[in-house]
C-alpha atoms as a PDB file:
ATOM      1  CA  UNK A   1       0.000   0.000   0.000  1.00  0.00           C
ATOM      2  CA  UNK A   2       1.442   3.335  -0.980  1.00  0.00           C
ATOM      3  CA  UNK A   3       0.302   6.765   0.062  1.00  0.00           C
ATOM      4  CA  UNK A   4       0.595   9.919  -1.981  1.00  0.00           C
ATOM      5  CA  UNK A   5       0.701  13.351  -0.401  1.00  0.00           C
ATOM      6  CA  UNK A   6       0.531  16.871  -1.721  1.00  0.00           C
ATOM      7  CA  UNK A   7       0.753  20.255  -0.068  1.00  0.00           C
ATOM      8  CA  UNK A   8      -0.133  23.543  -1.610  1.00  0.00           C
ATOM      9  CA  UNK A   9      -0.470  27.183  -0.873  1.00  0.00           C
ATOM     10  CA  UNK A  10      -1.223  29.980  -3.203  1.00  0.00           C
ATOM     11  CA  UNK A  11      -3.987  32.046  -4.668  1.00  0.00           C
ATOM     12  CA  UNK A  12      -6.940  30.538  -6.447  1.00  0.00           C
ATOM     13  CA  UNK A  13      -9.785  32.792  -7.563  1.00  0.00           C
ATOM     14  CA  UNK A  14      -8.143  35.650  -5.683  1.00  0.00           C
ATOM     15  CA  UNK A  15      -8.213  33.750  -2.375  1.00  0.00           C
ATOM     16  CA  UNK A  16      -5.068  32.967  -0.395  1.00  0.00           C
ATOM     17  CA  UNK A  17      -5.316  29.290   0.487  1.00  0.00           C
ATOM     18  CA  UNK A  18      -3.426  26.506   2.208  1.00  0.00           C
ATOM     19  CA  UNK A  19      -4.097  22.863   1.475  1.00  0.00           C
ATOM     20  CA  UNK A  20      -2.898  19.318   1.964  1.00  0.00           C
ATOM     21  CA  UNK A  21      -3.962  16.177   0.229  1.00  0.00           C
ATOM     22  CA  UNK A  22      -3.138  12.556   0.033  1.00  0.00           C
ATOM     23  CA  UNK A  23      -4.550   9.158  -0.441  1.00  0.00           C
ATOM     24  CA  UNK A  24      -3.781   5.526  -0.759  1.00  0.00           C
ATOM     25  CA  UNK A  25      -5.108   2.706  -2.837  1.00  0.00           C
ATOM     26  CA  UNK A  26      -8.803   3.392  -3.312  1.00  0.00           C
ATOM     27  CA  UNK A  27      -8.956   6.860  -1.723  1.00  0.00           C
ATOM     28  CA  UNK A  28      -8.226  10.522  -2.473  1.00  0.00           C
ATOM     29  CA  UNK A  29      -8.344  13.343   0.079  1.00  0.00           C
ATOM     30  CA  UNK A  30      -7.742  17.080   0.320  1.00  0.00           C
ATOM     31  CA  UNK A  31      -8.217  19.767   2.975  1.00  0.00           C
ATOM     32  CA  UNK A  32      -8.243  23.430   1.969  1.00  0.00           C
ATOM     33  CA  UNK A  33      -8.261  26.444   4.272  1.00  0.00           C
ATOM     34  CA  UNK A  34      -8.787  30.102   3.376  1.00  0.00           C
ATOM     35  CA  UNK A  35      -7.774  31.865   6.602  1.00  0.00           C
ATOM     36  CA  UNK A  36      -8.852  35.352   5.473  1.00  0.00           C
ATOM     37  CA  UNK A  37     -12.423  34.054   5.040  1.00  0.00           C
ATOM     38  CA  UNK A  38     -12.287  31.749   8.095  1.00  0.00           C
ATOM     39  CA  UNK A  39     -13.375  28.938   5.788  1.00  0.00           C
ATOM     40  CA  UNK A  40     -12.290  25.386   5.191  1.00  0.00           C
ATOM     41  CA  UNK A  41     -13.383  22.324   3.224  1.00  0.00           C
ATOM     42  CA  UNK A  42     -12.450  18.659   3.444  1.00  0.00           C
ATOM     43  CA  UNK A  43     -12.849  16.319   0.491  1.00  0.00           C
ATOM     44  CA  UNK A  44     -12.883  12.540   1.057  1.00  0.00           C
ATOM     45  CA  UNK A  45     -13.341  10.343  -2.024  1.00  0.00           C
ATOM     46  CA  UNK A  46     -13.521   6.550  -2.143  1.00  0.00           C
ATOM     47  CA  UNK A  47     -11.580   6.393  -5.431  1.00  0.00           C
ATOM     48  CA  UNK A  48      -7.941   6.890  -6.261  1.00  0.00           C
ATOM     49  CA  UNK A  49      -6.700   8.962  -9.161  1.00  0.00           C
ATOM     50  CA  UNK A  50      -9.329  11.674  -8.612  1.00  0.00           C
ATOM     51  CA  UNK A  51      -8.266  15.329  -8.491  1.00  0.00           C
ATOM     52  CA  UNK A  52      -9.498  16.037  -4.962  1.00  0.00           C
ATOM     53  CA  UNK A  53      -7.608  19.371  -4.937  1.00  0.00           C
ATOM     54  CA  UNK A  54      -9.584  20.659  -7.933  1.00  0.00           C
ATOM     55  CA  UNK A  55     -12.837  19.585  -6.309  1.00  0.00           C
ATOM     56  CA  UNK A  56     -11.804  21.299  -3.047  1.00  0.00           C
ATOM     57  CA  UNK A  57     -11.107  24.493  -4.998  1.00  0.00           C
ATOM     58  CA  UNK A  58     -14.546  24.401  -6.634  1.00  0.00           C
ATOM     59  CA  UNK A  59     -16.304  23.709  -3.317  1.00  0.00           C
ATOM     60  CA  UNK A  60     -14.330  26.474  -1.601  1.00  0.00           C
ATOM     61  CA  UNK A  61     -15.391  28.952  -4.283  1.00  0.00           C
ATOM     62  CA  UNK A  62     -19.003  28.093  -3.490  1.00  0.00           C
ATOM     63  CA  UNK A  63     -18.422  28.370   0.273  1.00  0.00           C
ATOM     64  CA  UNK A  64     -16.900  31.849   0.042  1.00  0.00           C
ATOM     65  CA  UNK A  65     -19.378  33.067  -2.553  1.00  0.00           C
ATOM     66  CA  UNK A  66     -17.246  32.897  -5.685  1.00  0.00           C
ATOM     67  CA  UNK A  67     -18.893  30.015  -7.597  1.00  0.00           C
ATOM     68  CA  UNK A  68     -16.911  28.183 -10.222  1.00  0.00           C
ATOM     69  CA  UNK A  69     -18.140  27.766 -13.782  1.00  0.00           C
ATOM     70  CA  UNK A  70     -19.196  24.176 -12.973  1.00  0.00           C
ATOM     71  CA  UNK A  71     -21.312  25.416 -10.057  1.00  0.00           C
ATOM     72  CA  UNK A  72     -22.916  28.056 -12.269  1.00  0.00           C
ATOM     73  CA  UNK A  73     -23.879  25.360 -14.786  1.00  0.00           C
ATOM     74  CA  UNK A  74     -25.464  23.180 -12.089  1.00  0.00           C
ATOM     75  CA  UNK A  75     -27.469  26.101 -10.706  1.00  0.00           C
ATOM     76  CA  UNK A  76     -28.451  27.184 -14.206  1.00  0.00           C
ATOM     77  CA  UNK A  77     -29.696  23.690 -15.072  1.00  0.00           C
ATOM     78  CA  UNK A  78     -31.718  23.484 -11.861  1.00  0.00           C
ATOM     79  CA  UNK A  79     -33.327  26.862 -12.526  1.00  0.00           C
ATOM     80  CA  UNK A  80     -34.309  25.944 -16.065  1.00  0.00           C
ATOM     81  CA  UNK A  81     -35.634  22.464 -15.224  1.00  0.00           C
END
């Protein structure tokens, strides 16, 4: 069993963030914090090879009120259904 780990910090969508991810066979994980907004998200996925960091970024954008394009499409589809 091998575990992969990744750490990141930077600016996504104009938000200063800190994150850490990892996983092992059959799982992918990522935690992202945006201290300036006092916000955080945790992504736990029961699949390996999934970009949990990208999903965390999209969820964080929703949490802090800066929806991603994917979120806009989901909302748009729900409003037109």
